[in-house]
Amino acid sequence: MISVTSLWLPILVSAVFVFVGSSIIHMVFKYHHADWKRIPSHDEVQEAMRRFSLAAGDYHVRSEAGPNFIVTIFPPGQSGMGKNLVMWFLYSVLVSVFAGYVAGAALGPGAMYLRVVQFAGTVAFCGYSLALMQHSIWYNRKWSTTLVSMFDGLIYGLLTAGAFGWLWPT
């Protein structure tokens, strides 16, 4: 058994790998561009919504006549991504802490690379991917969008697994 505190290096390195990997995925590859559709006459819709002065938060509208929808309102003027990027990195650290905890509880020092990859990668994949299915189940998000995001989670899991396998204590 290995304590989580002794896995601080693979935890941080894997979080950095995931952060860089996700940046490459979203800035270089274009497969996430189909995740969102543009609302026709979006300026008019935005102007109509502005009249309600809705506070930031999640809202839903359901009626027999439709359209039924769920919308998240962001705070006015929020366009920077700094806070989101910090939160994403901290989330990646948290996933890596759990991956390290499970791998450390199951394996000892000097464990075989593939065993470390198996444990850390599986937990990381679960942390990045499985809960995404709830959005398609309960909120009607396109399954294709969910599956593409889960593919990202697989990549993040593999990056995490590789970092843990590489830096596992001997």
Foldseek 3Di string as FASTA:
>chain_A
DDDLVVVVQLLLQLLVLLLVLVVCCVPPPCPLVPQDDDDVVVVVVVVVVVVVVDDFAKDWDDDPVDDTAIDGDDHPPPDDCPVVSVVSSVLSSVLLSVLCRQLPVVDDAPDALVSSLVSSLVSQLCSQADVLVVCCVPVVRDVVSNVVSSVSSNVSSNSSSNSCSVPGHD
